[in-house]
Amino acid sequence: DGVGLADCLSESHKEDCRNLLGQFCELFSLTPGQTTWYEHTINMGAACLLKVDIYRQPDHVRDCIKAEVQKMLDLGVIEH
């Protein structure tokens, strides 16, 4: 199984989702990654950058953030 379904769904809707996921299982993956089926760009135009205050995160949170970013880099989900 491995797929979490929202608690707000009724059991009937959860079963419908499981059936749909099972029917098209070759289209889904539990591991995020890249696709070559489609490519898009986000046009920012002449938008100004926002200045956002930076808040220091606790060490344990910062370690989790670094690990998730590294995982996404390794999987090719994001680029640096």
C-alpha atoms as a PDB file:
ATOM      1  CA  ASP A   1       0.000   0.000   0.000  1.00  0.00           C
ATOM      2  CA  GLY A   2       2.286   2.792   1.197  1.00  0.00           C
ATOM      3  CA  VAL A   3      -0.036   5.597   0.102  1.00  0.00           C
ATOM      4  CA  GLY A   4      -1.549   7.752   2.815  1.00  0.00           C
ATOM      5  CA  LEU A   5      -5.122   8.816   2.209  1.00  0.00           C
ATOM      6  CA  ALA A   6      -6.694  11.768   3.979  1.00  0.00           C
ATOM      7  CA  ASP A   7      -8.552  10.942   7.166  1.00  0.00           C
ATOM      8  CA  CYS A   8     -11.423  13.173   6.045  1.00  0.00           C
ATOM      9  CA  LEU A   9     -12.281  10.735   3.229  1.00  0.00           C
ATOM     10  CA  SER A  10     -15.043   8.252   3.837  1.00  0.00           C
ATOM     11  CA  GLU A  11     -14.133   4.569   3.686  1.00  0.00           C
ATOM     12  CA  SER A  12     -16.016   4.389   0.383  1.00  0.00           C
ATOM     13  CA  HIS A  13     -13.914   7.197  -1.095  1.00  0.00           C
ATOM     14  CA  LYS A  14     -10.717   5.638   0.263  1.00  0.00           C
ATOM     15  CA  GLU A  15     -11.635   2.360  -1.409  1.00  0.00           C
ATOM     16  CA  ASP A  16     -12.341   4.211  -4.683  1.00  0.00           C
ATOM     17  CA  CYS A  17      -8.896   5.842  -4.455  1.00  0.00           C
ATOM     18  CA  ARG A  18      -7.190   2.517  -3.742  1.00  0.00           C
ATOM     19  CA  ASN A  19      -8.933   0.951  -6.741  1.00  0.00           C
ATOM     20  CA  LEU A  20      -7.924   3.847  -8.994  1.00  0.00           C
ATOM     21  CA  LEU A  21      -4.319   3.736  -7.792  1.00  0.00           C
ATOM     22  CA  GLY A  22      -4.248  -0.023  -8.313  1.00  0.00           C
ATOM     23  CA  GLN A  23      -5.698   0.291 -11.809  1.00  0.00           C
ATOM     24  CA  PHE A  24      -3.034   2.815 -12.836  1.00  0.00           C
ATOM     25  CA  CYS A  25      -0.189   1.696 -10.543  1.00  0.00           C
ATOM     26  CA  GLU A  26       2.382   1.914 -13.359  1.00  0.00           C
ATOM     27  CA  LEU A  27       1.825   5.690 -13.456  1.00  0.00           C
ATOM     28  CA  PHE A  28       2.618   6.272  -9.777  1.00  0.00           C
ATOM     29  CA  SER A  29       5.739   5.996  -7.665  1.00  0.00           C
ATOM     30  CA  LEU A  30       6.334   6.340  -3.946  1.00  0.00           C
ATOM     31  CA  THR A  31       9.721   7.869  -4.770  1.00  0.00           C
ATOM     32  CA  PRO A  32       9.608  11.356  -6.257  1.00  0.00           C
ATOM     33  CA  GLY A  33      11.722  11.966  -9.313  1.00  0.00           C
ATOM     34  CA  GLN A  34      11.821  13.503 -12.750  1.00  0.00           C
ATOM     35  CA  THR A  35       9.716  12.976 -15.800  1.00  0.00           C
ATOM     36  CA  THR A  36      10.677  13.573 -19.390  1.00  0.00           C
ATOM     37  CA  TRP A  37       7.042  13.603 -20.485  1.00  0.00           C
ATOM     38  CA  TYR A  38       6.577  17.286 -19.815  1.00  0.00           C
ATOM     39  CA  GLU A  39       8.712  20.319 -19.127  1.00  0.00           C
ATOM     40  CA  HIS A  40       7.592  23.746 -18.019  1.00  0.00           C
ATOM     41  CA  THR A  41       9.063  27.040 -16.956  1.00  0.00           C
ATOM     42  CA  ILE A  42       7.745  29.577 -14.521  1.00  0.00           C
ATOM     43  CA  ASN A  43       7.862  33.032 -16.080  1.00  0.00           C
ATOM     44  CA  MET A  44       8.496  35.546 -13.330  1.00  0.00           C
ATOM     45  CA  GLY A  45       8.466  38.452 -15.766  1.00  0.00           C
ATOM     46  CA  ALA A  46       9.804  41.627 -14.242  1.00  0.00           C
ATOM     47  CA  ALA A  47       8.562  40.714 -10.774  1.00  0.00           C
ATOM     48  CA  CYS A  48      10.520  42.158  -7.890  1.00  0.00           C
ATOM     49  CA  LEU A  49      12.090  39.808  -5.399  1.00  0.00           C
ATOM     50  CA  LEU A  50      10.419  39.745  -2.022  1.00  0.00           C
ATOM     51  CA  LYS A  51      12.442  40.498   1.050  1.00  0.00           C
ATOM     52  CA  VAL A  52      11.531  38.009   3.724  1.00  0.00           C
ATOM     53  CA  ASP A  53      12.979  38.000   7.201  1.00  0.00           C
ATOM     54  CA  ILE A  54      15.034  34.906   7.914  1.00  0.00           C
ATOM     55  CA  TYR A  55      14.280  33.069  11.129  1.00  0.00           C
ATOM     56  CA  ARG A  56      16.859  30.743  12.632  1.00  0.00           C
ATOM     57  CA  GLN A  57      15.618  27.177  12.897  1.00  0.00           C
ATOM     58  CA  PRO A  58      16.491  24.856  15.782  1.00  0.00           C
ATOM     59  CA  ASP A  59      19.361  22.477  14.996  1.00  0.00           C
ATOM     60  CA  HIS A  60      17.134  19.389  14.762  1.00  0.00           C
ATOM     61  CA  VAL A  61      14.775  21.167  12.325  1.00  0.00           C
ATOM     62  CA  ARG A  62      17.677  22.525  10.277  1.00  0.00           C
ATOM     63  CA  ASP A  63      19.131  19.003  10.007  1.00  0.00           C
ATOM     64  CA  CYS A  64      15.765  17.699   8.730  1.00  0.00           C
ATOM     65  CA  ILE A  65      15.533  20.522   6.194  1.00  0.00           C
ATOM     66  CA  LYS A  66      19.072  19.848   4.929  1.00  0.00           C
ATOM     67  CA  ALA A  67      18.337  16.119   4.625  1.00  0.00           C
ATOM     68  CA  GLU A  68      15.121  16.728   2.641  1.00  0.00           C
ATOM     69  CA  VAL A  69      16.827  19.233   0.332  1.00  0.00           C
ATOM     70  CA  GLN A  70      19.699  16.794  -0.262  1.00  0.00           C
ATOM     71  CA  LYS A  71      17.226  13.991  -0.992  1.00  0.00           C
ATOM     72  CA  MET A  72      15.414  16.161  -3.560  1.00  0.00           C
ATOM     73  CA  LEU A  73      18.747  17.148  -5.154  1.00  0.00           C
ATOM     74  CA  ASP A  74      19.817  13.486  -5.350  1.00  0.00           C
ATOM     75  CA  LEU A  75      16.485  12.487  -6.933  1.00  0.00           C
ATOM     76  CA  GLY A  76      16.655  15.329  -9.452  1.00  0.00           C
ATOM     77  CA  VAL A  77      13.461  16.936  -8.159  1.00  0.00           C
ATOM     78  CA  ILE A  78      15.272  20.245  -7.686  1.00  0.00           C
ATOM     79  CA  GLU A  79      18.453  21.747  -9.133  1.00  0.00           C
ATOM     80  CA  HIS A  80      21.104  23.943  -7.595  1.00  0.00           C
END
